[in-house]
C-alpha atoms as a PDB file:
ATOM      1  CA  MET A   1      -7.459  29.431 -15.972  1.00  0.00           C
ATOM      2  CA  THR A   2      -8.936  27.895 -13.427  1.00  0.00           C
ATOM      3  CA  ARG A   3     -12.159  29.499 -11.902  1.00  0.00           C
ATOM      4  CA  VAL A   4     -12.268  29.670  -8.148  1.00  0.00           C
ATOM      5  CA  GLY A   5     -15.062  30.535  -5.654  1.00  0.00           C
ATOM      6  CA  VAL A   6     -14.265  30.820  -1.781  1.00  0.00           C
ATOM      7  CA  ASN A   7     -17.041  30.559   0.684  1.00  0.00           C
ATOM      8  CA  GLY A   8     -16.254  31.732   3.644  1.00  0.00           C
ATOM      9  CA  TYR A   9     -14.278  35.019   4.099  1.00  0.00           C
ATOM     10  CA  GLY A  10     -13.131  34.230   7.500  1.00  0.00           C
ATOM     11  CA  THR A  11      -9.706  33.588   8.907  1.00  0.00           C
ATOM     12  CA  ILE A  12      -8.846  30.841   6.313  1.00  0.00           C
ATOM     13  CA  GLY A  13     -10.776  32.141   3.413  1.00  0.00           C
ATOM     14  CA  LYS A  14      -9.693  35.638   3.389  1.00  0.00           C
ATOM     15  CA  ARG A  15      -6.130  33.957   3.162  1.00  0.00           C
ATOM     16  CA  VAL A  16      -6.979  31.465   0.370  1.00  0.00           C
ATOM     17  CA  ALA A  17      -8.814  34.279  -1.671  1.00  0.00           C
ATOM     18  CA  ASP A  18      -5.462  36.388  -1.377  1.00  0.00           C
ATOM     19  CA  ALA A  19      -3.489  33.022  -2.342  1.00  0.00           C
ATOM     20  CA  VAL A  20      -5.734  32.643  -5.528  1.00  0.00           C
ATOM     21  CA  ALA A  21      -5.547  35.733  -6.605  1.00  0.00           C
ATOM     22  CA  ALA A  22      -1.732  35.844  -6.560  1.00  0.00           C
ATOM     23  CA  GLN A  23      -1.870  32.591  -9.219  1.00  0.00           C
ATOM     24  CA  PRO A  24      -1.288  33.359 -12.543  1.00  0.00           C
ATOM     25  CA  ASP A  25      -2.987  30.226 -13.544  1.00  0.00           C
ATOM     26  CA  MET A  26      -6.263  31.112 -11.696  1.00  0.00           C
ATOM     27  CA  GLU A  27      -9.224  33.450 -11.067  1.00  0.00           C
ATOM     28  CA  LEU A  28     -10.744  34.237  -8.115  1.00  0.00           C
ATOM     29  CA  VAL A  29     -14.320  34.534  -9.244  1.00  0.00           C
ATOM     30  CA  GLY A  30     -15.911  35.936  -5.715  1.00  0.00           C
ATOM     31  CA  VAL A  31     -15.849  35.249  -2.116  1.00  0.00           C
ATOM     32  CA  THR A  32     -19.000  34.936   0.178  1.00  0.00           C
ATOM     33  CA  LYS A  33     -20.131  36.016   3.592  1.00  0.00           C
ATOM     34  CA  ALA A  34     -22.882  35.029   5.718  1.00  0.00           C
ATOM     35  CA  SER A  35     -23.099  38.575   6.949  1.00  0.00           C
ATOM     36  CA  PRO A  36     -21.948  42.276   6.452  1.00  0.00           C
ATOM     37  CA  ASP A  37     -19.116  42.480   9.151  1.00  0.00           C
ATOM     38  CA  TYR A  38     -15.915  44.104   8.695  1.00  0.00           C
ATOM     39  CA  GLY A  39     -15.189  41.320   6.501  1.00  0.00           C
ATOM     40  CA  VAL A  40     -16.781  42.658   3.778  1.00  0.00           C
ATOM     41  CA  GLU A  41     -14.814  45.842   3.942  1.00  0.00           C
ATOM     42  CA  ALA A  42     -11.655  43.802   3.485  1.00  0.00           C
ATOM     43  CA  ALA A  43     -12.984  42.025   0.631  1.00  0.00           C
ATOM     44  CA  ALA A  44     -13.774  45.018  -1.009  1.00  0.00           C
ATOM     45  CA  ARG A  45     -10.622  47.130  -0.411  1.00  0.00           C
ATOM     46  CA  ARG A  46      -8.850  43.942  -2.196  1.00  0.00           C
ATOM     47  CA  GLY A  47     -11.694  44.039  -5.422  1.00  0.00           C
ATOM     48  CA  TYR A  48     -13.212  40.978  -4.669  1.00  0.00           C
ATOM     49  CA  ASP A  49     -16.782  40.529  -5.732  1.00  0.00           C
ATOM     50  CA  LEU A  50     -18.824  39.566  -2.961  1.00  0.00           C
ATOM     51  CA  TYR A  51     -21.965  37.105  -2.869  1.00  0.00           C
ATOM     52  CA  THR A  52     -24.202  36.035  -0.022  1.00  0.00           C
ATOM     53  CA  ALA A  53     -23.530  32.700   1.576  1.00  0.00           C
ATOM     54  CA  VAL A  54     -27.092  32.405   2.714  1.00  0.00           C
ATOM     55  CA  ASP A  55     -29.980  33.616   0.281  1.00  0.00           C
ATOM     56  CA  ASP A  56     -32.393  34.859   2.711  1.00  0.00           C
ATOM     57  CA  ARG A  57     -29.905  37.298   4.233  1.00  0.00           C
ATOM     58  CA  THR A  58     -29.641  39.687   1.244  1.00  0.00           C
ATOM     59  CA  ASP A  59     -31.922  42.347   2.864  1.00  0.00           C
ATOM     60  CA  GLU A  60     -29.218  42.715   5.602  1.00  0.00           C
ATOM     61  CA  PHE A  61     -26.406  43.393   3.107  1.00  0.00           C
ATOM     62  CA  ALA A  62     -28.672  45.903   1.609  1.00  0.00           C
ATOM     63  CA  ALA A  63     -29.660  47.537   4.268  1.00  0.00           C
ATOM     64  CA  ALA A  64     -25.409  47.919   5.612  1.00  0.00           C
ATOM     65  CA  GLY A  65     -25.022  49.506   1.775  1.00  0.00           C
ATOM     66  CA  VAL A  66     -22.976  46.462   0.400  1.00  0.00           C
ATOM     67  CA  ASP A  67     -23.466  45.739  -3.379  1.00  0.00           C
ATOM     68  CA  LEU A  68     -23.457  41.904  -3.894  1.00  0.00           C
ATOM     69  CA  ALA A  69     -22.646  40.180  -6.925  1.00  0.00           C
ATOM     70  CA  GLY A  70     -25.227  37.335  -6.261  1.00  0.00           C
ATOM     71  CA  THR A  71     -25.871  34.381  -3.703  1.00  0.00           C
ATOM     72  CA  LEU A  72     -23.740  31.383  -3.128  1.00  0.00           C
ATOM     73  CA  GLY A  73     -25.752  29.527  -6.246  1.00  0.00           C
ATOM     74  CA  ASP A  74     -24.552  32.251  -8.674  1.00  0.00           C
ATOM     75  CA  LEU A  75     -20.966  31.798  -7.784  1.00  0.00           C
ATOM     76  CA  LEU A  76     -21.218  28.059  -7.786  1.00  0.00           C
ATOM     77  CA  ASP A  77     -22.237  28.439 -11.295  1.00  0.00           C
ATOM     78  CA  ALA A  78     -19.452  30.504 -12.293  1.00  0.00           C
ATOM     79  CA  VAL A  79     -16.685  28.661 -10.951  1.00  0.00           C
ATOM     80  CA  ASP A  80     -14.670  25.408 -11.742  1.00  0.00           C
ATOM     81  CA  VAL A  81     -14.013  24.574  -8.219  1.00  0.00           C
ATOM     82  CA  ILE A  82     -15.284  26.114  -4.718  1.00  0.00           C
ATOM     83  CA  VAL A  83     -13.170  26.247  -1.698  1.00  0.00           C
ATOM     84  CA  ASP A  84     -15.156  25.733   1.549  1.00  0.00           C
ATOM     85  CA  CYS A  85     -13.674  27.721   4.349  1.00  0.00           C
ATOM     86  CA  ALA A  86     -17.124  27.969   6.412  1.00  0.00           C
ATOM     87  CA  PRO A  87     -17.132  27.104  10.123  1.00  0.00           C
ATOM     88  CA  SER A  88     -16.245  23.445  11.268  1.00  0.00           C
ATOM     89  CA  GLY A  89     -19.242  21.762  10.479  1.00  0.00           C
ATOM     90  CA  VAL A  90     -20.878  24.048   8.371  1.00  0.00           C
ATOM     91  CA  GLY A  91     -18.939  22.517   5.074  1.00  0.00           C
ATOM     92  CA  GLU A  92     -20.682  19.232   5.653  1.00  0.00           C
ATOM     93  CA  ARG A  93     -23.933  21.188   5.443  1.00  0.00           C
ATOM     94  CA  ASN A  94     -23.105  22.691   2.178  1.00  0.00           C
ATOM     95  CA  ALA A  95     -21.740  19.768   0.541  1.00  0.00           C
ATOM     96  CA  PRO A  96     -25.217  19.068  -0.694  1.00  0.00           C
ATOM     97  CA  VAL A  97     -25.371  22.322  -2.517  1.00  0.00           C
ATOM     98  CA  TYR A  98     -22.073  22.002  -4.014  1.00  0.00           C
ATOM     99  CA  GLU A  99     -23.183  18.610  -5.578  1.00  0.00           C
ATOM    100  CA  ALA A 100     -26.293  19.848  -6.711  1.00  0.00           C
ATOM    101  CA  HIS A 101     -24.643  22.549  -8.924  1.00  0.00           C
ATOM    102  CA  ASP A 102     -22.126  20.002 -10.008  1.00  0.00           C
ATOM    103  CA  THR A 103     -19.142  21.956  -8.428  1.00  0.00           C
ATOM    104  CA  PRO A 104     -16.518  20.021  -7.068  1.00  0.00           C
ATOM    105  CA  ALA A 105     -15.295  21.419  -3.413  1.00  0.00           C
ATOM    106  CA  ILE A 106     -12.487  21.523  -1.476  1.00  0.00           C
ATOM    107  CA  PHE A 107     -13.121  21.423   2.315  1.00  0.00           C
ATOM    108  CA  GLN A 108     -11.096  22.345   5.470  1.00  0.00           C
ATOM    109  CA  GLY A 109      -9.564  20.080   8.241  1.00  0.00           C
ATOM    110  CA  GLY A 110     -12.194  21.156  10.459  1.00  0.00           C
ATOM    111  CA  GLU A 111     -14.619  18.510   8.505  1.00  0.00           C
ATOM    112  CA  ASP A 112     -14.823  14.586   9.333  1.00  0.00           C
ATOM    113  CA  ALA A 113     -12.669  13.148   6.647  1.00  0.00           C
ATOM    114  CA  ALA A 114     -16.011  11.329   5.157  1.00  0.00           C
ATOM    115  CA  VAL A 115     -17.126  14.725   3.916  1.00  0.00           C
ATOM    116  CA  ALA A 116     -14.794  14.180   0.593  1.00  0.00           C
ATOM    117  CA  GLU A 117     -13.767  11.425  -1.451  1.00  0.00           C
ATOM    118  CA  ALA A 118      -9.949  12.299  -0.385  1.00  0.00           C
ATOM    119  CA  SER A 119      -8.006  13.839   2.177  1.00  0.00           C
ATOM    120  CA  PHE A 120      -5.056  15.997   0.738  1.00  0.00           C
ATOM    121  CA  ASN A 121      -1.592  17.189   1.728  1.00  0.00           C
ATOM    122  CA  ALA A 122       0.735  18.233  -1.041  1.00  0.00           C
ATOM    123  CA  ARG A 123       4.024  16.742   0.474  1.00  0.00           C
ATOM    124  CA  GLY A 124       2.258  13.406   1.425  1.00  0.00           C
ATOM    125  CA  ARG A 125      -0.714  12.793  -0.586  1.00  0.00           C
ATOM    126  CA  TYR A 126      -1.324  15.121  -3.849  1.00  0.00           C
ATOM    127  CA  GLU A 127      -2.189  12.437  -6.347  1.00  0.00           C
ATOM    128  CA  ALA A 128      -5.146  11.429  -4.380  1.00  0.00           C
ATOM    129  CA  ALA A 129      -7.150  14.574  -5.292  1.00  0.00           C
ATOM    130  CA  ARG A 130      -6.580  13.832  -9.048  1.00  0.00           C
ATOM    131  CA  ASP A 131      -9.818  14.093 -10.770  1.00  0.00           C
ATOM    132  CA  ALA A 132     -11.616  13.907  -7.102  1.00  0.00           C
ATOM    133  CA  ASP A 133     -15.171  15.937  -7.004  1.00  0.00           C
ATOM    134  CA  SER A 134     -14.358  16.625  -3.490  1.00  0.00           C
ATOM    135  CA  VAL A 135     -11.407  17.083  -1.405  1.00  0.00           C
ATOM    136  CA  ARG A 136     -10.518  17.677   2.130  1.00  0.00           C
ATOM    137  CA  VAL A 137      -7.306  19.783   3.290  1.00  0.00           C
ATOM    138  CA  VAL A 138      -6.201  18.007   6.602  1.00  0.00           C
ATOM    139  CA  SER A 139      -6.101  20.268   9.605  1.00  0.00           C
ATOM    140  CA  CYS A 140      -3.326  22.978  10.490  1.00  0.00           C
ATOM    141  CA  ASN A 141      -1.905  20.101  12.857  1.00  0.00           C
ATOM    142  CA  THR A 142      -1.993  17.446  10.620  1.00  0.00           C
ATOM    143  CA  THR A 143      -0.956  19.264   7.674  1.00  0.00           C
ATOM    144  CA  ALA A 144       2.295  20.236   9.657  1.00  0.00           C
ATOM    145  CA  LEU A 145       2.939  16.564  10.933  1.00  0.00           C
ATOM    146  CA  SER A 146       2.360  15.378   7.488  1.00  0.00           C
ATOM    147  CA  ARG A 147       5.254  17.706   5.673  1.00  0.00           C
ATOM    148  CA  LEU A 148       7.740  16.725   8.796  1.00  0.00           C
ATOM    149  CA  LEU A 149       6.894  13.020   8.869  1.00  0.00           C
ATOM    150  CA  ALA A 150       6.946  12.033   4.996  1.00  0.00           C
ATOM    151  CA  PRO A 151      10.515  12.995   4.342  1.00  0.00           C
ATOM    152  CA  LEU A 152      11.499  11.362   7.614  1.00  0.00           C
ATOM    153  CA  ASP A 153       9.673   8.088   6.223  1.00  0.00           C
ATOM    154  CA  GLU A 154      11.447   8.381   2.879  1.00  0.00           C
ATOM    155  CA  ALA A 155      14.560   9.035   4.218  1.00  0.00           C
ATOM    156  CA  TYR A 156      14.600   6.660   7.272  1.00  0.00           C
ATOM    157  CA  GLY A 157      11.567   4.974   7.660  1.00  0.00           C
ATOM    158  CA  VAL A 158       9.445   5.615  10.605  1.00  0.00           C
ATOM    159  CA  GLU A 159       8.738   2.825  13.315  1.00  0.00           C
ATOM    160  CA  LYS A 160       6.699   5.040  15.116  1.00  0.00           C
ATOM    161  CA  ALA A 161       5.957   8.678  15.954  1.00  0.00           C
ATOM    162  CA  ARG A 162       4.893  10.100  18.995  1.00  0.00           C
ATOM    163  CA  VAL A 163       3.647  13.867  18.889  1.00  0.00           C
ATOM    164  CA  THR A 164       2.293  15.763  22.089  1.00  0.00           C
ATOM    165  CA  LEU A 165       0.319  18.736  20.797  1.00  0.00           C
ATOM    166  CA  VAL A 166       0.188  21.858  22.859  1.00  0.00           C
ATOM    167  CA  ARG A 167      -2.846  23.995  20.962  1.00  0.00           C
ATOM    168  CA  ARG A 168      -3.782  27.256  21.363  1.00  0.00           C
ATOM    169  CA  GLY A 169      -7.128  27.999  22.781  1.00  0.00           C
ATOM    170  CA  GLY A 170      -8.669  30.061  19.714  1.00  0.00           C
ATOM    171  CA  ASP A 171      -7.189  32.313  16.864  1.00  0.00           C
ATOM    172  CA  PRO A 172      -6.768  36.073  17.946  1.00  0.00           C
ATOM    173  CA  SER A 173     -10.328  37.127  16.794  1.00  0.00           C
ATOM    174  CA  GLU A 174     -11.812  34.283  18.571  1.00  0.00           C
ATOM    175  CA  THR A 175     -13.018  35.977  22.013  1.00  0.00           C
ATOM    176  CA  ASP A 176     -15.638  33.321  22.807  1.00  0.00           C
ATOM    177  CA  ARG A 177     -12.903  30.419  22.662  1.00  0.00           C
ATOM    178  CA  GLY A 178     -10.760  28.960  25.515  1.00  0.00           C
ATOM    179  CA  PRO A 179      -9.615  28.356  28.556  1.00  0.00           C
ATOM    180  CA  ILE A 180      -8.822  31.541  30.346  1.00  0.00           C
ATOM    181  CA  ASN A 181      -6.699  30.464  32.637  1.00  0.00           C
ATOM    182  CA  ASP A 182      -6.188  27.312  32.265  1.00  0.00           C
ATOM    183  CA  ILE A 183      -4.632  23.953  30.809  1.00  0.00           C
ATOM    184  CA  VAL A 184      -6.717  21.223  29.627  1.00  0.00           C
ATOM    185  CA  PRO A 185      -6.449  17.761  27.904  1.00  0.00           C
ATOM    186  CA  ASP A 186      -8.158  18.335  24.653  1.00  0.00           C
ATOM    187  CA  PRO A 187      -9.432  15.113  24.271  1.00  0.00           C
ATOM    188  CA  ALA A 188      -8.481  13.388  27.642  1.00  0.00           C
ATOM    189  CA  THR A 189      -8.420  10.287  25.675  1.00  0.00           C
ATOM    190  CA  VAL A 190      -5.155   8.875  23.482  1.00  0.00           C
ATOM    191  CA  PRO A 191      -5.066   9.310  20.452  1.00  0.00           C
ATOM    192  CA  SER A 192      -6.224  12.787  19.924  1.00  0.00           C
ATOM    193  CA  HIS A 193      -7.900  12.842  16.512  1.00  0.00           C
ATOM    194  CA  HIS A 194      -4.602  14.231  14.709  1.00  0.00           C
ATOM    195  CA  GLY A 195      -2.728  10.629  14.692  1.00  0.00           C
ATOM    196  CA  PRO A 196      -5.846   9.173  12.943  1.00  0.00           C
ATOM    197  CA  ASP A 197      -6.117  12.205  10.793  1.00  0.00           C
ATOM    198  CA  VAL A 198      -2.139  11.448   9.751  1.00  0.00           C
ATOM    199  CA  ASN A 199      -2.952   8.150   8.694  1.00  0.00           C
ATOM    200  CA  GLU A 200      -5.487  10.122   6.231  1.00  0.00           C
ATOM    201  CA  ILE A 201      -2.448  11.139   4.340  1.00  0.00           C
ATOM    202  CA  LEU A 202       0.163   8.550   5.541  1.00  0.00           C
ATOM    203  CA  PRO A 203      -1.799   5.554   5.952  1.00  0.00           C
ATOM    204  CA  ASP A 204       0.858   3.043   6.767  1.00  0.00           C
ATOM    205  CA  LEU A 205       2.770   5.283   9.378  1.00  0.00           C
ATOM    206  CA  ALA A 206       2.596   4.416  12.971  1.00  0.00           C
ATOM    207  CA  VAL A 207       1.760   7.742  15.256  1.00  0.00           C
ATOM    208  CA  ASP A 208      -0.061   8.231  18.435  1.00  0.00           C
ATOM    209  CA  THR A 209      -0.958  11.797  19.311  1.00  0.00           C
ATOM    210  CA  ALA A 210      -1.636  13.181  22.750  1.00  0.00           C
ATOM    211  CA  ALA A 211      -3.170  17.183  22.837  1.00  0.00           C
ATOM    212  CA  LEU A 212      -3.435  19.402  25.237  1.00  0.00           C
ATOM    213  CA  LYS A 213      -5.423  23.101  24.942  1.00  0.00           C
ATOM    214  CA  ALA A 214      -3.593  26.068  26.467  1.00  0.00           C
ATOM    215  CA  PRO A 215      -4.916  29.709  27.031  1.00  0.00           C
ATOM    216  CA  VAL A 216      -2.877  31.471  23.906  1.00  0.00           C
ATOM    217  CA  THR A 217      -3.730  32.841  20.616  1.00  0.00           C
ATOM    218  CA  GLY A 218      -0.697  32.625  18.875  1.00  0.00           C
ATOM    219  CA  MET A 219       0.541  28.954  17.460  1.00  0.00           C
ATOM    220  CA  HIS A 220       0.661  25.473  18.141  1.00  0.00           C
ATOM    221  CA  THR A 221       3.437  23.767  19.759  1.00  0.00           C
ATOM    222  CA  HIS A 222       4.266  19.990  18.968  1.00  0.00           C
ATOM    223  CA  SER A 223       6.665  18.044  21.077  1.00  0.00           C
ATOM    224  CA  VAL A 224       8.057  15.124  18.482  1.00  0.00           C
ATOM    225  CA  ASN A 225       9.185  12.105  18.871  1.00  0.00           C
ATOM    226  CA  VAL A 226      10.226   9.369  16.001  1.00  0.00           C
ATOM    227  CA  THR A 227      11.503   6.148  16.258  1.00  0.00           C
ATOM    228  CA  LEU A 228      13.312   5.510  13.142  1.00  0.00           C
ATOM    229  CA  GLU A 229      14.205   2.305  10.979  1.00  0.00           C
ATOM    230  CA  THR A 230      17.397   3.500  10.431  1.00  0.00           C
ATOM    231  CA  GLU A 231      19.807   5.312  12.699  1.00  0.00           C
ATOM    232  CA  PRO A 232      20.204   8.866  11.534  1.00  0.00           C
ATOM    233  CA  ASP A 233      22.644  11.952  12.599  1.00  0.00           C
ATOM    234  CA  GLU A 234      21.477  15.280  13.891  1.00  0.00           C
ATOM    235  CA  SER A 235      23.125  17.159  10.942  1.00  0.00           C
ATOM    236  CA  GLY A 236      21.815  15.005   8.463  1.00  0.00           C
ATOM    237  CA  VAL A 237      18.481  15.372   9.721  1.00  0.00           C
ATOM    238  CA  ARG A 238      18.938  19.229   9.928  1.00  0.00           C
ATOM    239  CA  ASP A 239      19.847  19.093   6.124  1.00  0.00           C
ATOM    240  CA  LEU A 240      16.640  16.900   5.313  1.00  0.00           C
ATOM    241  CA  LEU A 241      14.532  19.075   6.604  1.00  0.00           C
ATOM    242  CA  GLY A 242      16.288  22.467   5.570  1.00  0.00           C
ATOM    243  CA  ASP A 243      15.804  20.938   1.971  1.00  0.00           C
ATOM    244  CA  GLU A 244      12.059  21.166   2.606  1.00  0.00           C
ATOM    245  CA  ASP A 245      10.323  24.717   1.619  1.00  0.00           C
ATOM    246  CA  ARG A 246       7.616  24.321   3.729  1.00  0.00           C
ATOM    247  CA  ILE A 247      10.004  23.549   7.004  1.00  0.00           C
ATOM    248  CA  PHE A 248      11.395  26.778   8.240  1.00  0.00           C
ATOM    249  CA  LEU A 249      14.181  25.906  10.449  1.00  0.00           C
ATOM    250  CA  VAL A 250      14.585  28.125  13.027  1.00  0.00           C
ATOM    251  CA  PRO A 251      18.431  28.559  14.002  1.00  0.00           C
ATOM    252  CA  GLU A 252      19.924  28.874  17.277  1.00  0.00           C
ATOM    253  CA  GLY A 253      21.482  32.307  17.216  1.00  0.00           C
ATOM    254  CA  ALA A 254      18.121  34.170  15.896  1.00  0.00           C
ATOM    255  CA  GLY A 255      17.048  34.554  19.464  1.00  0.00           C
ATOM    256  CA  ILE A 256      13.383  33.101  18.596  1.00  0.00           C
ATOM    257  CA  ASP A 257      12.242  31.347  21.776  1.00  0.00           C
ATOM    258  CA  GLY A 258       8.386  31.410  20.837  1.00  0.00           C
ATOM    259  CA  ALA A 259       5.252  31.869  19.045  1.00  0.00           C
ATOM    260  CA  GLY A 260       5.388  35.791  19.834  1.00  0.00           C
ATOM    261  CA  ALA A 261       8.847  36.132  17.951  1.00  0.00           C
ATOM    262  CA  LEU A 262       8.391  33.904  15.415  1.00  0.00           C
ATOM    263  CA  LYS A 263       5.285  36.070  14.578  1.00  0.00           C
ATOM    264  CA  GLU A 264       7.084  39.327  14.788  1.00  0.00           C
ATOM    265  CA  TYR A 265       9.876  37.913  12.668  1.00  0.00           C
ATOM    266  CA  ALA A 266       7.279  37.018   9.909  1.00  0.00           C
ATOM    267  CA  ALA A 267       5.986  40.626  10.154  1.00  0.00           C
ATOM    268  CA  ASP A 268       9.548  42.213   9.770  1.00  0.00           C
ATOM    269  CA  ALA A 269       9.983  39.610   6.759  1.00  0.00           C
ATOM    270  CA  GLY A 270       6.670  41.407   5.251  1.00  0.00           C
ATOM    271  CA  ARG A 271       4.845  38.598   5.599  1.00  0.00           C
ATOM    272  CA  PRO A 272       0.776  39.377   5.223  1.00  0.00           C
ATOM    273  CA  ARG A 273      -0.839  39.115   8.349  1.00  0.00           C
ATOM    274  CA  SER A 274       2.361  37.731  10.171  1.00  0.00           C
ATOM    275  CA  ASP A 275       1.701  34.644   8.285  1.00  0.00           C
ATOM    276  CA  LEU A 276       4.123  31.442   8.738  1.00  0.00           C
ATOM    277  CA  TRP A 277       2.754  29.316   5.907  1.00  0.00           C
ATOM    278  CA  GLU A 278       5.861  26.632   7.027  1.00  0.00           C
ATOM    279  CA  ASN A 279       6.917  24.657  10.107  1.00  0.00           C
ATOM    280  CA  CYS A 280       8.724  26.139  12.322  1.00  0.00           C
ATOM    281  CA  VAL A 281      11.179  23.786  13.763  1.00  0.00           C
ATOM    282  CA  TRP A 282      13.640  24.512  16.133  1.00  0.00           C
ATOM    283  CA  ALA A 283      17.124  23.532  14.822  1.00  0.00           C
ATOM    284  CA  GLU A 284      18.797  23.622  18.048  1.00  0.00           C
ATOM    285  CA  SER A 285      16.024  21.046  19.403  1.00  0.00           C
ATOM    286  CA  ILE A 286      16.667  18.417  16.751  1.00  0.00           C
ATOM    287  CA  SER A 287      18.826  15.428  18.710  1.00  0.00           C
ATOM    288  CA  VAL A 288      19.049  12.169  18.168  1.00  0.00           C
ATOM    289  CA  THR A 289      19.436   9.005  21.123  1.00  0.00           C
ATOM    290  CA  GLY A 290      19.779   5.893  18.619  1.00  0.00           C
ATOM    291  CA  ARG A 291      16.753   5.521  16.223  1.00  0.00           C
ATOM    292  CA  ASP A 292      15.224   7.939  18.547  1.00  0.00           C
ATOM    293  CA  LEU A 293      14.969  11.548  16.847  1.00  0.00           C
ATOM    294  CA  TYR A 294      13.568  14.556  19.274  1.00  0.00           C
ATOM    295  CA  LEU A 295      12.153  18.024  17.826  1.00  0.00           C
ATOM    296  CA  PHE A 296      10.075  20.796  18.555  1.00  0.00           C
ATOM    297  CA  GLN A 297       8.331  22.594  16.217  1.00  0.00           C
ATOM    298  CA  ASN A 298       5.581  25.622  15.644  1.00  0.00           C
ATOM    299  CA  VAL A 299       2.323  25.581  13.524  1.00  0.00           C
ATOM    300  CA  HIS A 300       0.664  28.846  12.709  1.00  0.00           C
ATOM    301  CA  GLN A 301      -3.069  27.815  12.617  1.00  0.00           C
ATOM    302  CA  GLU A 302      -4.254  30.414  10.537  1.00  0.00           C
ATOM    303  CA  ALA A 303      -1.823  29.989   7.653  1.00  0.00           C
ATOM    304  CA  ASP A 304       0.022  26.519   7.598  1.00  0.00           C
ATOM    305  CA  VAL A 305      -2.895  25.002   5.052  1.00  0.00           C
ATOM    306  CA  VAL A 306      -3.053  27.778   2.465  1.00  0.00           C
ATOM    307  CA  PRO A 307      -0.633  26.590   0.239  1.00  0.00           C
ATOM    308  CA  GLU A 308      -2.248  23.320   0.580  1.00  0.00           C
ATOM    309  CA  ASN A 309      -5.484  24.358  -0.834  1.00  0.00           C
ATOM    310  CA  VAL A 310      -3.799  26.148  -3.703  1.00  0.00           C
ATOM    311  CA  ASP A 311      -1.967  22.814  -4.664  1.00  0.00           C
ATOM    312  CA  ALA A 312      -5.075  21.227  -3.985  1.00  0.00           C
ATOM    313  CA  ILE A 313      -6.930  23.112  -6.608  1.00  0.00           C
ATOM    314  CA  ARG A 314      -4.249  22.394  -9.428  1.00  0.00           C
ATOM    315  CA  ALA A 315      -4.554  18.751  -8.560  1.00  0.00           C
ATOM    316  CA  MET A 316      -8.300  18.655  -9.143  1.00  0.00           C
ATOM    317  CA  THR A 317      -8.270  20.660 -11.977  1.00  0.00           C
ATOM    318  CA  THR A 318      -5.180  20.164 -13.889  1.00  0.00           C
ATOM    319  CA  ASP A 319      -2.557  17.968 -15.051  1.00  0.00           C
ATOM    320  CA  VAL A 320       0.006  19.796 -13.123  1.00  0.00           C
ATOM    321  CA  ASP A 321       2.317  17.670 -11.081  1.00  0.00           C
ATOM    322  CA  ALA A 322       3.015  17.575  -6.963  1.00  0.00           C
ATOM    323  CA  ALA A 323       6.729  19.402  -7.301  1.00  0.00           C
ATOM    324  CA  ALA A 324       5.381  21.625 -10.088  1.00  0.00           C
ATOM    325  CA  SER A 325       2.187  22.921  -8.181  1.00  0.00           C
ATOM    326  CA  MET A 326       4.104  23.435  -4.757  1.00  0.00           C
ATOM    327  CA  ALA A 327       7.074  25.484  -6.392  1.00  0.00           C
ATOM    328  CA  ARG A 328       4.461  27.724  -8.293  1.00  0.00           C
ATOM    329  CA  THR A 329       2.590  27.963  -5.487  1.00  0.00           C
ATOM    330  CA  ASN A 330       5.868  28.667  -3.123  1.00  0.00           C
ATOM    331  CA  GLU A 331       7.218  31.109  -5.764  1.00  0.00           C
ATOM    332  CA  THR A 332       3.938  33.108  -5.885  1.00  0.00           C
ATOM    333  CA  LEU A 333       2.941  33.537  -2.359  1.00  0.00           C
ATOM    334  CA  GLY A 334       6.828  33.629  -1.038  1.00  0.00           C
ATOM    335  CA  VAL A 335       7.103  30.189   0.828  1.00  0.00           C
ATOM    336  CA  GLY A 336      10.579  29.162   1.783  1.00  0.00           C
ATOM    337  CA  LEU A 337      11.690  31.209   4.866  1.00  0.00           C
ATOM    338  CA  ARG A 338      15.061  31.306   5.522  1.00  0.00           C
ATOM    339  CA  SER A 339      16.751  32.781   8.083  1.00  0.00           C
ATOM    340  CA  ARG A 340      20.183  34.597   7.686  1.00  0.00           C
ATOM    341  CA  LEU A 341      21.232  33.939  11.234  1.00  0.00           C
ATOM    342  CA  GLY A 342      21.902  30.477  10.555  1.00  0.00           C
ATOM    343  CA  ASN A 343      25.350  28.730  10.253  1.00  0.00           C
ATOM    344  CA  ASP A 344      24.754  27.526   7.032  1.00  0.00           C
ATOM    345  CA  GLU A 345      26.226  28.363   3.639  1.00  0.00           C
ATOM    346  CA  LEU A 346      23.385  30.266   2.452  1.00  0.00           C
ATOM    347  CA  GLY A 347      23.054  32.345   5.661  1.00  0.00           C
ATOM    348  CA  ARG A 348      26.790  33.320   5.059  1.00  0.00           C
ATOM    349  CA  ALA A 349      26.258  34.001   1.445  1.00  0.00           C
ATOM    350  CA  GLU A 350      23.391  36.532   1.853  1.00  0.00           C
ATOM    351  CA  LEU A 351      25.249  38.254   4.580  1.00  0.00           C
ATOM    352  CA  ALA A 352      28.161  38.546   2.495  1.00  0.00           C
ATOM    353  CA  ALA A 353      26.155  39.840  -0.526  1.00  0.00           C
ATOM    354  CA  ASP A 354      24.649  42.645   1.610  1.00  0.00           C
ATOM    355  CA  ASP A 355      28.183  43.606   2.625  1.00  0.00           C
END
């Protein structure tokens, strides 16, 4: 059993903690909070041992009636690996603490690539984390692009990828984020950081990215154009992407027209917190002109990196290979969303079985 701690029980941390707790080969030792807010209650309901992320705030927890299992240092001494889910920039400040306790660490994509020995994506760069002392799971957008571009490159070769990202202004709980009534380039320069970040995973792939920020909290949307080295056909691309467990092909007849419907679909499917761990690619958007492929995909910024964190733990601490780790993670979390409303054989077979 790999003993795991999660430093930062927020948007990503609480999801990673639940995912780790679901793994048969991992033990969640505990989670940290910087202050005794409502997240403390959520952790207690799940039976997670709570540690303070900041040593001099133990009195705040005591005043709130919260029992602590110890400090961050105590947690680091009790685990095989720590998953840093602190806000962007805080992970870099935490890195020397992890090193002082000789505890391998996994950081999130809000940190610069230089924070860790390697950047990680299970589909595109699993082995880079093998035996590393520090790994950065790339951001939600980079995770999604890596999942999409890796199989395309393997099957057809990628000459050039061009992506426009319409990013959500903030997560639902981030009331201080914006814009409120605007759509702004973020950044105004091209490329955005996403293209260079993809190259941390797929170093030989030519990719340009431009990003906008919109006043929504639901999901990111990518408009993707890929010039391939060999000419594909639309059905071949659909089959290729449909075979990827971490890509959900949204069928044309499902009536799912955007992020709101996707989140409702996930909730109706029984997903915790309406989480979509998969890239959501609209099947009807997949079109081919010569060697140019076009499609739209949506990315749930709160969720898609969660299975990647689980796989990163295995890559760092075990000899389990990428395929086995991804299969185990997918099975335990229920990754691999499939609609019964498509025209594929799977959908017809499932509907017939229900009848």
